[in-house]
Amino acid sequence: MILLREPTLQDEAVFLSAMQKSISLHHLWVKTPLTHEEFQAYIKRSEQENQKSFLVLKNNEIAGVFNISEIVRGCFQNAFLGFYAVAGFENQGIMSAGLKLVLKCFFEELKHPLKNQKHCQSYIKKLQQKKIVISLMLLQ
């Protein structure tokens, strides 16, 4: 079973061990926390309003990580999504399953009430009148 949850300070030893054994997977693509100080900073960042981090667990082991950063609310709904698997869990579809859970959580449970913002609705109507194609996925 694939589960998703936010990282906590109690995850430090297991998280750092998983990242250490995954250096060969990550070194060209992402800089993961590898020390106590880096993990503490990672947790602190994940607690900020414009950040969200998730651990992907398979059988209660950390199989991967998703980070949503630079979250912008309002009319310009935007964010960056980064993710990485842990060595031994790659090529099993775990991160694909995790991504579905992250997107469901982010777009359903953490959804910003954009529909109710009059200035955003006005802006969207102006764009539609100019026949500019926009995605209304966030409004549904």
Protein backbone atom coordinates (compact mmCIF):
# COMPACT_ATOMS: atom_id res chain seq x y z
CA MET A 1 0.00 0.00 0.00
CA ILE A 2 1.23 3.48 -0.91
CA LEU A 3 0.67 6.20 1.69
CA LEU A 4 1.42 9.90 1.76
CA ARG A 5 2.24 12.05 4.76
CA GLU A 6 4.14 15.17 5.70
CA PRO A 7 7.68 14.74 7.04
CA THR A 8 8.36 15.44 10.72
CA LEU A 9 11.46 15.94 12.85
CA GLN A 10 11.04 12.34 14.04
CA ASP A 11 11.79 11.14 10.49
CA GLU A 12 15.34 12.49 10.53
CA ALA A 13 17.37 9.29 11.04
CA VAL A 14 15.35 7.19 8.59
CA PHE A 15 15.14 10.04 6.05
CA LEU A 16 18.88 10.77 6.11
CA SER A 17 19.70 7.07 5.82
CA ALA A 18 17.40 6.77 2.79
CA MET A 19 18.96 9.84 1.16
CA GLN A 20 22.51 8.59 1.83
CA LYS A 21 21.80 5.27 0.12
CA SER A 22 20.19 7.15 -2.80
CA ILE A 23 23.06 9.52 -3.64
CA SER A 24 23.81 7.67 -6.89
CA LEU A 25 20.20 8.24 -8.01
CA HIS A 26 20.07 11.88 -6.99
CA HIS A 27 23.49 13.45 -7.44
CA LEU A 28 22.93 14.70 -11.00
CA TRP A 29 19.37 15.89 -10.48
CA VAL A 30 18.59 17.02 -6.96
CA LYS A 31 20.36 18.03 -3.75
CA THR A 32 18.62 16.19 -0.94
CA PRO A 33 19.20 16.79 2.77
CA LEU A 34 22.14 14.63 3.87
CA THR A 35 23.03 16.12 7.27
CA HIS A 36 21.25 16.99 10.50
CA GLU A 37 21.43 20.70 9.65
CA GLU A 38 20.11 20.20 6.12
CA PHE A 39 17.22 18.08 7.38
CA GLN A 40 16.31 20.68 10.02
CA ALA A 41 16.30 23.38 7.32
CA TYR A 42 14.20 21.13 5.05
CA ILE A 43 11.56 20.66 7.75
CA LYS A 44 11.56 24.39 8.51
CA ARG A 45 11.01 25.19 4.80
CA SER A 46 8.24 22.59 4.54
CA GLU A 47 6.36 24.34 7.34
CA GLN A 48 6.24 27.66 5.49
CA GLU A 49 2.94 28.78 3.99
CA ASN A 50 4.26 28.66 0.42
CA GLN A 51 5.76 25.16 0.70
CA LYS A 52 4.39 21.65 1.10
CA SER A 53 6.36 18.42 1.41
CA PHE A 54 5.22 14.81 1.40
CA LEU A 55 6.87 11.48 2.06
CA VAL A 56 5.70 8.57 -0.07
CA LEU A 57 5.62 5.42 2.05
CA LYS A 58 5.46 1.83 0.93
CA ASN A 59 5.05 -0.67 3.75
CA ASN A 60 5.95 2.16 6.17
CA GLU A 61 9.32 2.78 4.49
CA ILE A 62 10.21 6.05 2.79
CA ALA A 63 10.02 5.28 -0.93
CA GLY A 64 10.15 8.85 -2.21
CA VAL A 65 9.66 12.53 -1.59
CA PHE A 66 7.49 15.21 -3.20
CA ASN A 67 8.10 18.91 -2.62
CA ILE A 68 5.72 21.62 -3.77
CA SER A 69 7.45 24.98 -3.51
CA GLU A 70 6.90 28.64 -4.26
CA ILE A 71 3.14 28.19 -3.98
CA VAL A 72 1.35 31.31 -5.21
CA ARG A 73 -2.34 31.85 -4.47
CA GLY A 74 -4.86 34.25 -5.96
CA CYS A 75 -5.40 34.71 -9.68
CA PHE A 76 -1.93 33.40 -10.49
CA GLN A 77 -2.30 29.93 -9.01
CA ASN A 78 1.19 28.48 -9.44
CA ALA A 79 3.78 26.23 -7.81
CA PHE A 80 6.85 24.13 -8.56
CA LEU A 81 6.77 20.37 -8.06
CA GLY A 82 9.91 18.37 -7.39
CA PHE A 83 10.18 14.71 -6.52
CA TYR A 84 12.68 11.89 -6.12
CA ALA A 85 12.58 8.18 -5.37
CA VAL A 86 14.65 6.35 -2.78
CA ALA A 87 17.08 3.68 -3.97
CA GLY A 88 15.41 0.28 -4.00
CA PHE A 89 12.00 1.77 -4.74
CA GLU A 90 12.64 3.11 -8.24
CA ASN A 91 10.99 1.65 -11.37
CA GLN A 92 8.05 0.18 -9.46
CA GLY A 93 5.40 2.80 -10.19
CA ILE A 94 5.48 4.03 -6.61
CA MET A 95 6.23 7.63 -7.54
CA SER A 96 3.46 7.59 -10.17
CA ALA A 97 1.01 6.41 -7.52
CA GLY A 98 2.42 8.98 -5.11
CA LEU A 99 2.00 11.75 -7.67
CA LYS A 100 -1.69 10.92 -8.01
CA LEU A 101 -2.07 11.20 -4.23
CA VAL A 102 -0.13 14.48 -4.10
CA LEU A 103 -2.23 16.04 -6.86
CA LYS A 104 -5.45 14.85 -5.23
CA CYS A 105 -4.39 16.33 -1.91
CA PHE A 106 -3.12 19.57 -3.40
CA PHE A 107 -6.03 20.26 -5.75
CA GLU A 108 -8.85 18.92 -3.59
CA GLU A 109 -7.94 19.13 0.08
CA LEU A 110 -5.66 22.18 -0.06
CA LYS A 111 -7.62 23.91 -2.82
CA HIS A 112 -7.66 27.68 -2.69
CA PRO A 113 -11.18 29.16 -3.02
CA LEU A 114 -10.39 30.91 -6.30
CA LYS A 115 -14.01 30.63 -7.46
CA ASN A 116 -15.08 33.07 -4.79
CA GLN A 117 -12.62 35.81 -5.61
CA LYS A 118 -14.49 38.46 -7.60
CA HIS A 119 -11.36 40.09 -8.99
CA CYS A 120 -10.20 36.73 -10.38
CA GLN A 121 -13.58 36.04 -11.97
CA SER A 122 -13.52 39.48 -13.57
CA TYR A 123 -10.02 38.87 -14.92
CA ILE A 124 -11.02 35.49 -16.35
CA LYS A 125 -14.07 36.99 -18.08
CA LYS A 126 -11.88 39.65 -19.70
CA LEU A 127 -9.51 36.97 -20.98
CA GLN A 128 -12.41 34.93 -22.33
CA GLN A 129 -13.85 37.98 -24.10
CA LYS A 130 -10.50 38.44 -25.84
CA LYS A 131 -10.72 34.79 -26.92
CA ILE A 132 -7.61 33.87 -24.99
CA VAL A 133 -7.63 30.17 -24.19
CA ILE A 134 -7.05 29.52 -20.51
CA SER A 135 -7.24 26.48 -18.33
CA LEU A 136 -10.07 26.49 -15.84
CA MET A 137 -8.93 23.28 -14.17
CA LEU A 138 -8.30 25.07 -10.86
CA LEU A 139 -11.79 26.54 -10.88
CA GLN A 140 -13.59 23.22 -11.06
